[in-house]
């Protein structure tokens, strides 16, 4: 695949930054003494359920001023961010001591609501000058008792803000809950609560340009890096040993085959052929369901291009920690702009396979990945609406996404399909195909499709499974992941191993005189996606504390879509590698 030109990459960076701004209200982050620095309350939710988040004021907090919502970009909305003005006022360099933000009398129902969320380890998230801060809402004191009715529930009603500044810029903010300011909510009775806060300012030498580095360093600490590099070394050693072993066998066998076949051709032309050369009249026989195969190849190629662009943007620093919604914006924009690749790849390959209904093929390509994704989103968004969670997309955002699909994705898909149809290139087959297909001999159980898929998926999965934990802990938890260079290496290893193992299995299939390798190569290449989804089950039950119907449905629903995308992407890689290999070996022998 060709590397995109730097100008295109810069254009994507500009577009993503333009669509998903990260500055507060157009501020240049420079303030004078007494200036109002924006503090936004974002969301609250159970700590172990990252997808189940709610608006800050869905809980009975109070505010001394009218609550104003911050206008959010597309990526922020997709990320579940719903920013509103917080009840605390933190003016630049303005120190405060036990200042009352607001006062509220909690009813018995509101006390019960706070008690319920405290028992579920609810946390809050805020942004101060675009710097994220978190804290827990309260604590449960068990005192060694096992009966929940005997627990004591306390609400934290005092926050301590410690803010570091460098000249006229905010560099860092730390929020702590004061254990000496507690409100007892154990009993079902009305409670008067004063929400208070303290502000302290300290000077620092850290420059403004490096204020986000502390979040990046969280995933770059020595013990984490050791594990990541162990993952890389483990993957490389495993890959080198196994692929080296397979390559040695494969090259030796192929060399012997070439010598044998060339000797046979010189000795006697009428001698009966054996092995994979026997299939030269059938190996390029077009497969069944060629429209679906071409559509899968088109979608997989588009998703591979999307992954390459995402990695390039990550390596140039676009996705720094807490750049709200940048990744979601990039995924939507790049997927829309690369839909022409799917249309062109699918249509051109379909026409090479002598397909005639290219319009239906383009429609199938457009719905092969987006269709299941749309159905999954519709169900999960309905669940989020029922829960009144921030993960539920507003109607306006759904309209924007529909317009992007209707005005960008679909036209580019159709234009790509037309371009592919007009290419009019013939399928490059080194050997002529016979009129009647050859009968495939009976196969042992381990040469059938499912066992072959299991073998094909295990090796690539073994190369990435250690890194998968950190990715899952970042996407479905609160761990920060910023080591994109290591992730890029792992992705490269994954692609190489997938291509190689698919080629090896394709050779063994042909050597067993089975010429139906087209679909087998795609299924074997994409089988790693099935292993990743199996890892989802292990992660959910053994490595996470996620609970509840909403979080469970979000985890397994969206992971199903991601693994399906992996299946299409790696399936396209495996098929392309096998096609190149098959053409090469049959071009190297004399086919009549």
Protein backbone atom coordinates (compact mmCIF):
# COMPACT_ATOMS: atom_id res chain seq x y z
CA UNK A 1 0.00 0.00 0.00
CA UNK A 2 1.26 3.45 -0.88
CA UNK A 3 2.11 5.83 1.92
CA UNK A 4 -0.11 8.94 1.90
CA UNK A 5 1.69 12.16 1.04
CA UNK A 6 2.62 14.52 3.90
CA UNK A 7 0.27 17.19 2.56
CA UNK A 8 -2.72 14.84 2.94
CA UNK A 9 -1.65 13.95 6.47
CA UNK A 10 -1.34 17.63 7.41
CA UNK A 11 -4.80 18.25 5.95
CA UNK A 12 -6.26 15.48 8.13
CA UNK A 13 -4.55 16.89 11.23
CA UNK A 14 -5.93 20.34 10.48
CA UNK A 15 -9.42 18.97 9.86
CA UNK A 16 -9.49 16.96 13.08
CA UNK A 17 -8.26 19.88 15.15
CA UNK A 18 -10.77 22.12 13.41
CA UNK A 19 -13.72 19.79 13.95
CA UNK A 20 -12.79 18.82 17.51
CA UNK A 21 -11.43 21.89 19.28
CA UNK A 22 -9.85 21.39 22.69
CA UNK A 23 -9.64 24.98 23.81
CA UNK A 24 -12.18 26.36 26.22
CA UNK A 25 -14.48 28.93 24.65
CA UNK A 26 -11.84 30.03 22.17
CA UNK A 27 -9.44 30.99 24.95
CA UNK A 28 -5.70 31.22 24.25
CA UNK A 29 -5.08 29.90 27.80
CA UNK A 30 -3.57 33.22 28.94
CA UNK A 31 -5.09 34.94 31.97
CA UNK A 32 -4.65 37.98 34.13
CA UNK A 33 -5.10 38.11 37.89
CA UNK A 34 -8.78 37.71 38.71
CA UNK A 35 -9.78 36.42 35.27
CA UNK A 36 -12.45 33.76 35.20
CA UNK A 37 -10.83 30.46 34.19
CA UNK A 38 -13.49 28.07 32.85
CA UNK A 39 -14.29 25.08 35.08
CA UNK A 40 -16.72 22.60 33.57
CA UNK A 41 -18.38 19.65 35.26
CA UNK A 42 -18.51 16.80 32.77
CA UNK A 43 -20.08 13.61 34.03
CA UNK A 44 -20.53 11.19 36.90
CA UNK A 45 -20.74 7.42 36.90
CA UNK A 46 -19.73 4.14 38.56
CA UNK A 47 -15.95 3.79 38.48
CA UNK A 48 -15.97 0.22 37.15
CA UNK A 49 -18.50 0.93 34.35
CA UNK A 50 -16.78 3.46 32.05
CA UNK A 51 -19.63 3.53 29.50
CA UNK A 52 -22.33 4.16 32.11
CA UNK A 53 -21.96 7.87 32.74
CA UNK A 54 -24.55 10.52 33.52
CA UNK A 55 -24.76 14.28 33.50
CA UNK A 56 -23.26 15.94 36.57
CA UNK A 57 -26.53 17.57 37.60
CA UNK A 58 -28.51 14.37 37.20
CA UNK A 59 -27.45 13.97 40.82
CA UNK A 60 -28.95 16.48 43.27
CA UNK A 61 -25.98 18.87 43.34
CA UNK A 62 -26.64 22.57 43.70
CA UNK A 63 -25.34 25.64 41.91
CA UNK A 64 -25.32 29.28 42.93
CA UNK A 65 -25.67 30.48 39.31
CA UNK A 66 -27.67 29.34 36.26
CA UNK A 67 -26.09 26.26 34.71
CA UNK A 68 -24.82 26.81 31.16
CA UNK A 69 -23.97 24.05 28.73
CA UNK A 70 -20.75 24.20 26.75
CA UNK A 71 -21.08 23.78 22.99
CA UNK A 72 -19.36 20.52 22.08
CA UNK A 73 -17.82 19.17 18.91
CA UNK A 74 -18.86 15.93 17.23
CA UNK A 75 -16.07 13.85 18.77
CA UNK A 76 -16.85 15.11 22.29
CA UNK A 77 -20.51 14.11 21.95
CA UNK A 78 -19.54 10.66 20.62
CA UNK A 79 -17.22 10.33 23.62
CA UNK A 80 -20.13 10.93 25.99
CA UNK A 81 -18.94 14.37 27.18
CA UNK A 82 -21.67 16.75 28.37
CA UNK A 83 -19.90 19.79 29.84
CA UNK A 84 -21.75 22.33 31.99
CA UNK A 85 -20.55 25.16 34.21
CA UNK A 86 -19.46 23.82 37.60
CA UNK A 87 -20.68 25.30 40.89
CA UNK A 88 -17.11 26.25 41.90
CA UNK A 89 -15.49 29.50 40.80
CA UNK A 90 -11.69 29.36 40.43
CA UNK A 91 -10.45 32.80 39.35
CA UNK A 92 -6.85 33.05 38.17
CA UNK A 93 -4.50 33.42 41.20
CA UNK A 94 -7.51 33.87 43.48
CA UNK A 95 -7.07 31.87 46.67
CA UNK A 96 -10.05 30.84 48.76
CA UNK A 97 -10.44 29.11 52.09
CA UNK A 98 -13.54 27.00 52.82
CA UNK A 99 -15.63 29.10 50.45
CA UNK A 100 -19.29 28.09 50.26
CA UNK A 101 -20.16 27.27 46.66
CA UNK A 102 -23.83 26.66 47.38
CA UNK A 103 -26.15 25.31 50.03
CA UNK A 104 -28.90 22.75 49.57
CA UNK A 105 -31.35 20.88 51.75
CA UNK A 106 -31.46 17.27 50.52
CA UNK A 107 -34.81 15.53 50.67
CA UNK A 108 -35.11 11.93 51.80
CA UNK A 109 -35.29 10.79 48.16
CA UNK A 110 -32.14 12.79 47.29
CA UNK A 111 -30.32 11.36 50.31
CA UNK A 112 -31.25 7.86 49.14
CA UNK A 113 -30.04 8.72 45.63
CA UNK A 114 -26.65 9.91 46.90
CA UNK A 115 -26.38 6.88 49.16
CA UNK A 116 -27.02 4.57 46.20
CA UNK A 117 -24.36 6.14 43.97
CA UNK A 118 -21.80 6.24 46.80
CA UNK A 119 -22.29 2.49 47.28
CA UNK A 120 -21.51 2.03 43.56
CA UNK A 121 -18.21 4.01 43.78
CA UNK A 122 -19.41 6.92 41.66
CA UNK A 123 -16.78 9.42 40.54
CA UNK A 124 -17.02 12.86 38.99
CA UNK A 125 -14.98 14.34 36.16
CA UNK A 126 -14.36 18.04 35.53
CA UNK A 127 -12.21 20.11 33.18
CA UNK A 128 -10.34 23.20 34.32
CA UNK A 129 -8.76 25.10 31.45
CA UNK A 130 -9.02 21.79 29.52
CA UNK A 131 -7.11 19.91 32.24
CA UNK A 132 -9.03 16.85 33.51
CA UNK A 133 -9.67 16.28 37.22
CA UNK A 134 -11.48 13.49 39.02
CA UNK A 135 -12.70 12.63 42.46
CA UNK A 136 -15.05 10.27 44.27
CA UNK A 137 -18.40 11.49 45.57
CA UNK A 138 -18.20 9.79 48.95
CA UNK A 139 -17.17 6.69 50.83
CA UNK A 140 -18.69 3.67 52.55
CA UNK A 141 -17.44 2.75 56.03
CA UNK A 142 -18.02 -0.95 56.75
CA UNK A 143 -16.20 -1.31 60.11
CA UNK A 144 -15.83 -5.05 59.54
CA UNK A 145 -19.58 -5.59 59.19
CA UNK A 146 -20.98 -7.84 56.47
CA UNK A 147 -24.59 -6.60 56.44
CA UNK A 148 -24.98 -3.63 54.02
CA UNK A 149 -27.76 -2.22 56.20
CA UNK A 150 -25.13 -1.61 58.91
CA UNK A 151 -22.73 0.29 56.65
CA UNK A 152 -22.27 4.05 57.05
CA UNK A 153 -22.44 6.29 53.98
CA UNK A 154 -20.66 9.65 53.80
CA UNK A 155 -20.78 12.37 51.13
CA UNK A 156 -17.69 14.49 50.46
CA UNK A 157 -18.89 18.08 50.54
CA UNK A 158 -15.51 19.86 50.50
CA UNK A 159 -13.02 19.94 47.62
CA UNK A 160 -9.43 21.19 47.83
CA UNK A 161 -8.08 22.58 44.56
CA UNK A 162 -4.32 22.91 44.23
CA UNK A 163 -3.43 24.78 41.03
CA UNK A 164 0.05 25.27 39.54
CA UNK A 165 0.75 28.19 37.20
CA UNK A 166 3.61 29.53 35.11
CA UNK A 167 3.32 33.28 34.57
CA UNK A 168 -0.08 33.79 32.95
CA UNK A 169 -0.90 30.14 32.20
CA UNK A 170 -2.43 27.27 34.15
CA UNK A 171 -0.11 24.25 34.13
CA UNK A 172 -1.61 21.67 36.47
CA UNK A 173 -4.53 21.16 38.80
CA UNK A 174 -5.02 18.61 41.57
CA UNK A 175 -8.30 18.07 43.41
CA UNK A 176 -8.60 16.30 46.74
CA UNK A 177 -11.57 15.43 48.90
CA UNK A 178 -11.17 16.48 52.53
CA UNK A 179 -11.87 13.55 54.86
CA UNK A 180 -12.65 15.95 57.71
CA UNK A 181 -15.64 17.40 55.79
CA UNK A 182 -18.19 14.61 55.63
CA UNK A 183 -21.97 14.52 55.53
CA UNK A 184 -23.57 11.43 57.06
CA UNK A 185 -26.25 10.06 54.70
CA UNK A 186 -26.81 6.75 56.47
CA UNK A 187 -30.30 7.58 57.71
CA UNK A 188 -33.34 8.38 55.59
CA UNK A 189 -33.89 11.96 56.67
CA UNK A 190 -33.53 15.46 55.27
CA UNK A 191 -29.98 16.86 55.46
CA UNK A 192 -28.66 20.40 55.08
CA UNK A 193 -25.45 20.36 53.04
CA UNK A 194 -22.94 23.17 52.44
CA UNK A 195 -20.80 22.42 49.37
CA UNK A 196 -17.52 24.19 50.10
CA UNK A 197 -14.09 24.40 48.48
CA UNK A 198 -10.57 25.68 49.07
CA UNK A 199 -8.22 27.01 46.37
CA UNK A 200 -4.43 27.23 46.61
CA UNK A 201 -2.11 28.53 43.87
CA UNK A 202 1.54 27.53 43.45
CA UNK A 203 4.12 28.60 40.91
CA UNK A 204 5.95 26.05 38.76
CA UNK A 205 8.69 26.08 36.13
CA UNK A 206 6.97 23.58 33.85
CA UNK A 207 6.31 25.25 30.46
CA UNK A 208 2.79 25.35 29.07
CA UNK A 209 3.75 23.14 26.11
CA UNK A 210 4.61 20.26 28.49
CA UNK A 211 1.63 20.45 30.81
CA UNK A 212 0.03 17.33 29.29
CA UNK A 213 3.16 15.22 29.68
CA UNK A 214 2.25 14.00 33.17
CA UNK A 215 -0.72 12.14 31.69
CA UNK A 216 1.47 10.57 29.00
CA UNK A 217 4.10 9.54 31.55
CA UNK A 218 1.51 7.46 33.40
CA UNK A 219 1.77 4.77 30.70
CA UNK A 220 5.52 5.30 30.19
CA UNK A 221 6.69 4.48 33.70
CA UNK A 222 9.59 2.00 33.84
CA UNK A 223 7.60 -1.02 35.03
CA UNK A 224 4.97 -0.43 32.34
CA UNK A 225 7.61 0.02 29.65
CA UNK A 226 9.30 -3.19 30.73
CA UNK A 227 6.05 -5.08 30.25
CA UNK A 228 5.46 -3.44 26.86
CA UNK A 229 8.97 -4.25 25.66
CA UNK A 230 8.61 -7.77 27.02
CA UNK A 231 5.46 -7.99 24.91
CA UNK A 232 7.36 -6.81 21.84
CA UNK A 233 10.31 -9.16 22.43
CA UNK A 234 7.96 -12.06 23.17
CA UNK A 235 6.03 -11.36 19.99
CA UNK A 236 9.17 -10.98 17.88
CA UNK A 237 10.79 -14.16 19.22
CA UNK A 238 7.59 -16.16 18.81
CA UNK A 239 7.05 -14.78 15.33
CA UNK A 240 10.66 -15.27 14.22
CA UNK A 241 10.83 -18.84 15.49
CA UNK A 242 7.51 -19.99 14.11
CA UNK A 243 7.62 -18.07 10.85
CA UNK A 244 11.26 -19.02 10.37
CA UNK A 245 10.35 -22.64 10.91
CA UNK A 246 7.44 -22.43 8.48
CA UNK A 247 9.49 -20.44 5.96
CA UNK A 248 12.29 -23.01 6.04
CA UNK A 249 9.87 -25.88 5.48
CA UNK A 250 7.87 -23.98 2.88
CA UNK A 251 10.88 -22.82 0.87
CA UNK A 252 12.50 -26.25 1.02
CA UNK A 253 9.31 -27.98 -0.07
CA UNK A 254 8.70 -25.44 -2.83
CA UNK A 255 12.27 -25.79 -4.05
CA UNK A 256 11.92 -29.55 -4.14
CA UNK A 257 8.59 -29.17 -5.94
CA UNK A 258 10.10 -26.87 -8.58
CA UNK A 259 13.03 -29.23 -9.13
CA UNK A 260 10.72 -32.26 -9.28
CA UNK A 261 8.28 -30.65 -11.69
CA UNK A 262 11.00 -29.30 -13.98
CA UNK A 263 12.60 -32.77 -13.97
CA UNK A 264 9.27 -34.40 -14.74
CA UNK A 265 8.68 -32.01 -17.64
CA UNK A 266 12.07 -32.87 -19.14
CA UNK A 267 11.65 -36.62 -18.55
CA UNK A 268 8.13 -37.29 -19.69
CA UNK A 269 5.37 -34.89 -20.60
CA UNK A 270 2.68 -37.54 -20.24
CA UNK A 271 3.64 -38.49 -16.69
CA UNK A 272 0.79 -38.03 -14.20
CA UNK A 273 1.01 -34.82 -12.20
CA UNK A 274 0.73 -34.74 -8.40
CA UNK A 275 0.49 -32.17 -5.63
CA UNK A 276 -0.33 -28.52 -6.18
CA UNK A 277 0.76 -28.50 -9.84
CA UNK A 278 -2.09 -30.89 -10.52
CA UNK A 279 -4.49 -28.01 -9.77
CA UNK A 280 -3.19 -25.56 -12.39
CA UNK A 281 -6.44 -25.89 -14.31
CA UNK A 282 -8.63 -25.24 -11.26
CA UNK A 283 -6.67 -23.00 -8.89
CA UNK A 284 -7.83 -19.83 -10.63
CA UNK A 285 -11.44 -20.94 -11.04
CA UNK A 286 -13.55 -18.07 -9.76
CA UNK A 287 -15.15 -18.75 -6.35
CA UNK A 288 -18.78 -18.92 -5.36
CA UNK A 289 -20.43 -15.78 -3.97
CA UNK A 290 -17.85 -13.60 -5.70
CA UNK A 291 -19.84 -10.41 -5.05
CA UNK A 292 -19.67 -11.03 -1.29
CA UNK A 293 -15.96 -11.87 -1.53
CA UNK A 294 -15.25 -8.67 -3.44
CA UNK A 295 -17.31 -6.62 -0.95
CA UNK A 296 -15.41 -8.15 1.99
CA UNK A 297 -12.12 -7.38 0.26
CA UNK A 298 -13.20 -3.78 -0.36
CA UNK A 299 -14.33 -3.21 3.24
CA UNK A 300 -11.19 -4.85 4.60
CA UNK A 301 -8.95 -2.69 2.42
CA UNK A 302 -10.77 0.44 3.58
CA UNK A 303 -10.44 -0.54 7.24
CA UNK A 304 -6.73 -1.30 6.75
CA UNK A 305 -6.27 2.17 5.23
CA UNK A 306 -8.21 3.67 8.16
CA UNK A 307 -5.92 1.88 10.63
CA UNK A 308 -2.79 3.13 8.85
CA UNK A 309 -4.03 6.74 8.93
CA UNK A 310 -4.98 6.47 12.62
CA UNK A 311 -1.51 5.17 13.49
CA UNK A 312 0.13 7.97 11.50
CA UNK A 313 -1.94 10.62 13.28
CA UNK A 314 -1.16 9.00 16.63
CA UNK A 315 2.58 8.99 15.92
CA UNK A 316 2.57 12.72 15.06
CA UNK A 317 0.89 13.49 18.41
CA UNK A 318 -2.72 14.24 17.52
CA UNK A 319 -4.20 11.88 20.12
CA UNK A 320 -2.52 13.24 23.23
CA UNK A 321 -4.25 12.32 26.52
CA UNK A 322 -7.67 13.88 27.07
CA UNK A 323 -7.82 15.53 23.66
CA UNK A 324 -11.56 15.18 23.99
CA UNK A 325 -13.14 13.35 21.09
CA UNK A 326 -10.17 13.62 18.69
CA UNK A 327 -10.02 9.86 18.11
CA UNK A 328 -13.76 9.58 17.44
CA UNK A 329 -13.65 12.54 15.10
CA UNK A 330 -10.70 11.03 13.24
CA UNK A 331 -12.47 7.68 12.89
CA UNK A 332 -15.64 9.27 11.48
CA UNK A 333 -13.81 11.65 9.12
CA UNK A 334 -11.24 9.18 7.79
CA UNK A 335 -13.80 6.41 7.38
CA UNK A 336 -15.99 8.76 5.35
CA UNK A 337 -13.07 9.95 3.19
CA UNK A 338 -11.76 6.44 2.51
CA UNK A 339 -15.09 4.94 1.44
CA UNK A 340 -14.04 5.47 -2.18
CA UNK A 341 -11.24 2.93 -1.60
CA UNK A 342 -13.81 0.31 -0.60
CA UNK A 343 -15.96 1.02 -3.66
CA UNK A 344 -13.03 0.98 -6.06
CA UNK A 345 -11.42 -2.18 -4.65
CA UNK A 346 -14.67 -4.15 -4.51
CA UNK A 347 -15.97 -3.07 -7.91
CA UNK A 348 -12.69 -3.57 -9.79
CA UNK A 349 -12.11 -7.02 -8.28
CA UNK A 350 -15.74 -8.01 -8.87
CA UNK A 351 -15.46 -7.04 -12.54
CA UNK A 352 -12.17 -8.96 -12.80
CA UNK A 353 -14.11 -12.03 -11.63
CA UNK A 354 -16.51 -11.42 -14.55
CA UNK A 355 -19.28 -10.08 -12.34
CA UNK A 356 -22.02 -8.15 -14.11
CA UNK A 357 -24.21 -6.55 -11.41
CA UNK A 358 -21.64 -4.04 -10.10
CA UNK A 359 -24.34 -1.76 -8.67
CA UNK A 360 -25.51 -4.47 -6.27
CA UNK A 361 -21.89 -5.17 -5.43
CA UNK A 362 -21.29 -1.53 -4.47
CA UNK A 363 -24.46 -1.50 -2.34
CA UNK A 364 -23.31 -4.70 -0.63
CA UNK A 365 -19.89 -3.16 0.02
CA UNK A 366 -21.48 -0.10 1.61
CA UNK A 367 -23.64 -2.17 3.94
CA UNK A 368 -21.32 -5.07 4.78
CA UNK A 369 -19.67 -3.26 7.71
CA UNK A 370 -21.97 -0.28 8.22
CA UNK A 371 -25.11 -2.47 8.37
CA UNK A 372 -24.16 -4.51 11.46
CA UNK A 373 -22.64 -1.37 13.01
CA UNK A 374 -25.91 0.53 12.50
CA UNK A 375 -28.00 -2.27 14.02
CA UNK A 376 -25.67 -2.52 17.02
CA UNK A 377 -25.66 1.25 17.51
CA UNK A 378 -29.46 1.45 17.28
CA UNK A 379 -29.88 -1.16 20.02
CA UNK A 380 -27.18 0.26 22.30
CA UNK A 381 -28.34 3.85 21.84
CA UNK A 382 -31.85 2.74 22.82
CA UNK A 383 -30.40 1.14 25.96
CA UNK A 384 -28.49 4.35 26.76
CA UNK A 385 -31.66 6.42 26.28
CA UNK A 386 -33.53 4.11 28.66
CA UNK A 387 -30.76 4.60 31.23
CA UNK A 388 -30.66 8.38 30.49
CA UNK A 389 -26.89 8.06 30.14
CA UNK A 390 -24.59 10.48 28.33
CA UNK A 391 -23.67 7.66 25.91
CA UNK A 392 -27.05 8.25 24.24
CA UNK A 393 -26.44 10.42 21.18
CA UNK A 394 -28.71 13.46 20.81
CA UNK A 395 -30.95 13.63 17.76
CA UNK A 396 -28.88 16.46 16.28
CA UNK A 397 -25.69 14.39 16.41
CA UNK A 398 -27.43 11.46 14.72
CA UNK A 399 -28.56 13.85 11.96
CA UNK A 400 -24.96 15.10 11.52
CA UNK A 401 -23.65 11.53 11.20
CA UNK A 402 -26.42 10.70 8.72
CA UNK A 403 -25.54 13.76 6.63
CA UNK A 404 -21.85 12.75 6.63
CA UNK A 405 -22.90 9.30 5.41
CA UNK A 406 -25.32 10.66 2.81
CA UNK A 407 -23.20 13.55 1.49
CA UNK A 408 -19.65 12.17 1.82
CA UNK A 409 -19.47 8.42 2.42
CA UNK A 410 -22.09 7.26 -0.09
CA UNK A 411 -21.05 9.55 -3.00
CA UNK A 412 -17.39 8.59 -2.59
CA UNK A 413 -18.35 4.90 -2.40
CA UNK A 414 -20.34 5.19 -5.63
CA UNK A 415 -17.59 7.18 -7.39
CA UNK A 416 -15.06 4.56 -6.34
CA UNK A 417 -17.35 1.82 -7.65
CA UNK A 418 -17.73 3.58 -11.00
CA UNK A 419 -13.96 4.06 -11.25
CA UNK A 420 -13.40 0.38 -10.47
CA UNK A 421 -15.95 -0.73 -13.05
CA UNK A 422 -14.39 1.48 -15.74
CA UNK A 423 -10.92 0.14 -15.03
CA UNK A 424 -11.75 -2.86 -17.27
CA UNK A 425 -8.72 -4.89 -16.24
CA UNK A 426 -8.73 -8.66 -16.61
CA UNK A 427 -7.86 -11.09 -13.86
CA UNK A 428 -4.17 -11.99 -14.13
CA UNK A 429 -4.08 -15.80 -14.11
CA UNK A 430 -0.82 -17.52 -15.14
CA UNK A 431 -2.71 -20.72 -16.00
CA UNK A 432 -5.79 -21.38 -18.07
CA UNK A 433 -8.84 -22.70 -16.24
CA UNK A 434 -10.36 -25.96 -17.42
CA UNK A 435 -14.01 -26.21 -18.38
CA UNK A 436 -15.01 -28.66 -15.66
CA UNK A 437 -13.86 -28.43 -12.03
CA UNK A 438 -11.72 -31.19 -10.58
CA UNK A 439 -13.19 -33.25 -7.76
CA UNK A 440 -11.64 -32.49 -4.36
CA UNK A 441 -10.43 -35.63 -2.55
CA UNK A 442 -11.72 -36.36 0.99
CA UNK A 443 -9.89 -34.32 3.63
CA UNK A 444 -8.86 -35.20 7.15
CA UNK A 445 -10.63 -33.24 9.90
CA UNK A 446 -7.68 -30.94 10.58
CA UNK A 447 -7.61 -29.81 6.94
CA UNK A 448 -11.16 -28.47 7.05
CA UNK A 449 -12.10 -24.82 7.36
CA UNK A 450 -12.72 -24.44 11.12
CA UNK A 451 -9.54 -26.22 12.30
CA UNK A 452 -7.54 -24.28 9.73
CA UNK A 453 -9.06 -21.01 11.01
CA UNK A 454 -8.13 -21.97 14.58
CA UNK A 455 -4.52 -22.59 13.55
CA UNK A 456 -4.40 -19.41 11.48
CA UNK A 457 -5.78 -17.18 14.23
CA UNK A 458 -3.75 -18.50 17.14
CA UNK A 459 -0.30 -17.39 15.93
CA UNK A 460 -1.20 -13.72 15.21
CA UNK A 461 -3.20 -13.55 18.45
CA UNK A 462 -0.26 -14.88 20.46
CA UNK A 463 1.81 -11.99 19.11
CA UNK A 464 -0.60 -9.31 20.40
CA UNK A 465 -2.38 -10.72 23.45
CA UNK A 466 -0.09 -9.04 26.03
CA UNK A 467 -0.65 -5.62 24.46
CA UNK A 468 -4.39 -6.29 24.28
CA UNK A 469 -4.74 -5.97 28.05
CA UNK A 470 -3.41 -2.39 28.04
CA UNK A 471 -5.63 -1.45 25.13
CA UNK A 472 -8.70 -2.90 26.85
CA UNK A 473 -7.76 -1.22 30.14
CA UNK A 474 -7.59 2.10 28.29
CA UNK A 475 -10.75 1.76 26.18
CA UNK A 476 -12.85 0.02 28.85
CA UNK A 477 -11.22 1.51 31.93
CA UNK A 478 -9.38 4.56 33.20
CA UNK A 479 -5.81 3.61 32.29
CA UNK A 480 -4.02 6.00 29.91
CA UNK A 481 -2.39 4.54 26.79
CA UNK A 482 0.05 6.73 24.87
CA UNK A 483 2.82 4.39 23.69
CA UNK A 484 1.67 4.47 20.08
CA UNK A 485 5.12 3.59 18.73
CA UNK A 486 5.01 0.19 20.44
CA UNK A 487 1.41 -0.29 19.33
CA UNK A 488 2.47 0.45 15.73
CA UNK A 489 5.19 -2.21 15.94
CA UNK A 490 2.67 -4.72 17.30
CA UNK A 491 0.27 -3.87 14.47
CA UNK A 492 3.03 -4.36 11.89
CA UNK A 493 3.92 -7.74 13.43
CA UNK A 494 0.24 -8.68 13.36
CA UNK A 495 -0.06 -7.89 9.64
CA UNK A 496 3.16 -9.75 8.72
CA UNK A 497 2.26 -12.85 10.74
CA UNK A 498 -1.29 -12.91 9.36
CA UNK A 499 0.00 -12.72 5.79
CA UNK A 500 2.62 -15.42 6.35
CA UNK A 501 0.47 -17.95 8.19
CA UNK A 502 -2.30 -17.57 5.59
CA UNK A 503 0.18 -18.18 2.77
CA UNK A 504 1.52 -21.30 4.54
CA UNK A 505 -1.97 -22.74 5.07
CA UNK A 506 -2.90 -21.93 1.46
CA UNK A 507 0.13 -23.91 0.25
CA UNK A 508 -0.75 -26.91 2.42
CA UNK A 509 -4.32 -26.73 1.12
CA UNK A 510 -3.15 -26.75 -2.50
CA UNK A 511 -0.67 -29.54 -1.78
CA UNK A 512 -3.63 -31.60 -0.55
CA UNK A 513 -5.23 -31.02 -3.99
CA UNK A 514 -7.94 -28.69 -2.63
CA UNK A 515 -8.29 -25.79 -5.10
CA UNK A 516 -11.01 -23.82 -3.23
CA UNK A 517 -8.56 -21.51 -1.51
CA UNK A 518 -10.26 -18.15 -2.16
CA UNK A 519 -12.69 -18.05 0.74
CA UNK A 520 -10.43 -20.16 2.94
CA UNK A 521 -7.62 -17.59 2.76
CA UNK A 522 -9.95 -14.74 3.74
CA UNK A 523 -11.49 -16.72 6.61
CA UNK A 524 -8.10 -17.86 7.92
CA UNK A 525 -6.66 -14.35 7.69
CA UNK A 526 -9.58 -12.83 9.58
CA UNK A 527 -9.83 -15.56 12.24
CA UNK A 528 -7.70 -13.47 14.63
CA UNK A 529 -10.79 -11.31 15.12
CA UNK A 530 -12.59 -14.37 16.56
CA UNK A 531 -9.72 -14.92 19.02
CA UNK A 532 -9.86 -11.25 20.08
CA UNK A 533 -13.59 -11.59 20.78
CA UNK A 534 -12.90 -14.71 22.82
CA UNK A 535 -10.38 -12.62 24.78
CA UNK A 536 -13.25 -10.18 25.47
CA UNK A 537 -15.02 -12.91 27.43
CA UNK A 538 -11.88 -13.57 29.47
CA UNK A 539 -11.28 -9.86 30.11
CA UNK A 540 -14.86 -9.19 31.17
CA UNK A 541 -15.07 -12.03 33.68
CA UNK A 542 -11.46 -12.23 34.92
CA UNK A 543 -9.83 -8.81 34.53
CA UNK A 544 -12.62 -6.24 34.97
CA UNK A 545 -15.32 -5.39 37.49
CA UNK A 546 -17.93 -4.26 34.96
CA UNK A 547 -21.53 -4.97 35.95
CA UNK A 548 -25.04 -4.11 34.84
CA UNK A 549 -26.99 -4.61 31.63
CA UNK A 550 -25.94 -1.34 30.00
CA UNK A 551 -22.20 -1.74 30.52
CA UNK A 552 -22.31 -5.42 29.53
CA UNK A 553 -24.27 -4.74 26.35
CA UNK A 554 -21.99 -1.83 25.41
CA UNK A 555 -18.86 -3.90 25.98
CA UNK A 556 -19.91 -6.98 24.04
CA UNK A 557 -21.88 -5.04 21.41
CA UNK A 558 -19.20 -2.59 20.37
CA UNK A 559 -16.41 -5.17 20.76
CA UNK A 560 -18.34 -7.40 18.36
CA UNK A 561 -18.26 -4.58 15.79
CA UNK A 562 -14.54 -3.94 16.39
CA UNK A 563 -13.67 -7.64 16.09
CA UNK A 564 -15.80 -7.88 12.95
CA UNK A 565 -13.81 -4.98 11.52
CA UNK A 566 -10.60 -6.81 12.49
CA UNK A 567 -11.92 -9.90 10.72
CA UNK A 568 -12.53 -7.98 7.48
CA UNK A 569 -9.23 -6.08 7.65
CA UNK A 570 -7.00 -9.07 8.39
CA UNK A 571 -9.05 -11.23 6.03
CA UNK A 572 -8.20 -8.81 3.22
CA UNK A 573 -4.51 -8.97 4.23
CA UNK A 574 -4.53 -12.77 4.20
CA UNK A 575 -6.35 -12.97 0.88
CA UNK A 576 -4.02 -10.49 -0.83
CA UNK A 577 -0.97 -12.37 0.43
CA UNK A 578 -2.36 -15.73 -0.71
CA UNK A 579 -3.32 -14.38 -4.13
CA UNK A 580 0.19 -13.02 -4.62
CA UNK A 581 1.70 -16.34 -3.51
CA UNK A 582 -0.53 -18.51 -5.72
CA UNK A 583 0.17 -16.37 -8.77
CA UNK A 584 3.90 -16.52 -8.05
CA UNK A 585 4.21 -20.31 -7.72
CA UNK A 586 2.07 -21.07 -10.79
CA UNK A 587 3.95 -18.49 -12.81
CA UNK A 588 7.17 -20.31 -11.93
CA UNK A 589 6.12 -23.60 -13.55
CA UNK A 590 5.07 -24.56 -17.05
CA UNK A 591 1.28 -24.66 -17.25
CA UNK A 592 -0.42 -25.97 -20.35
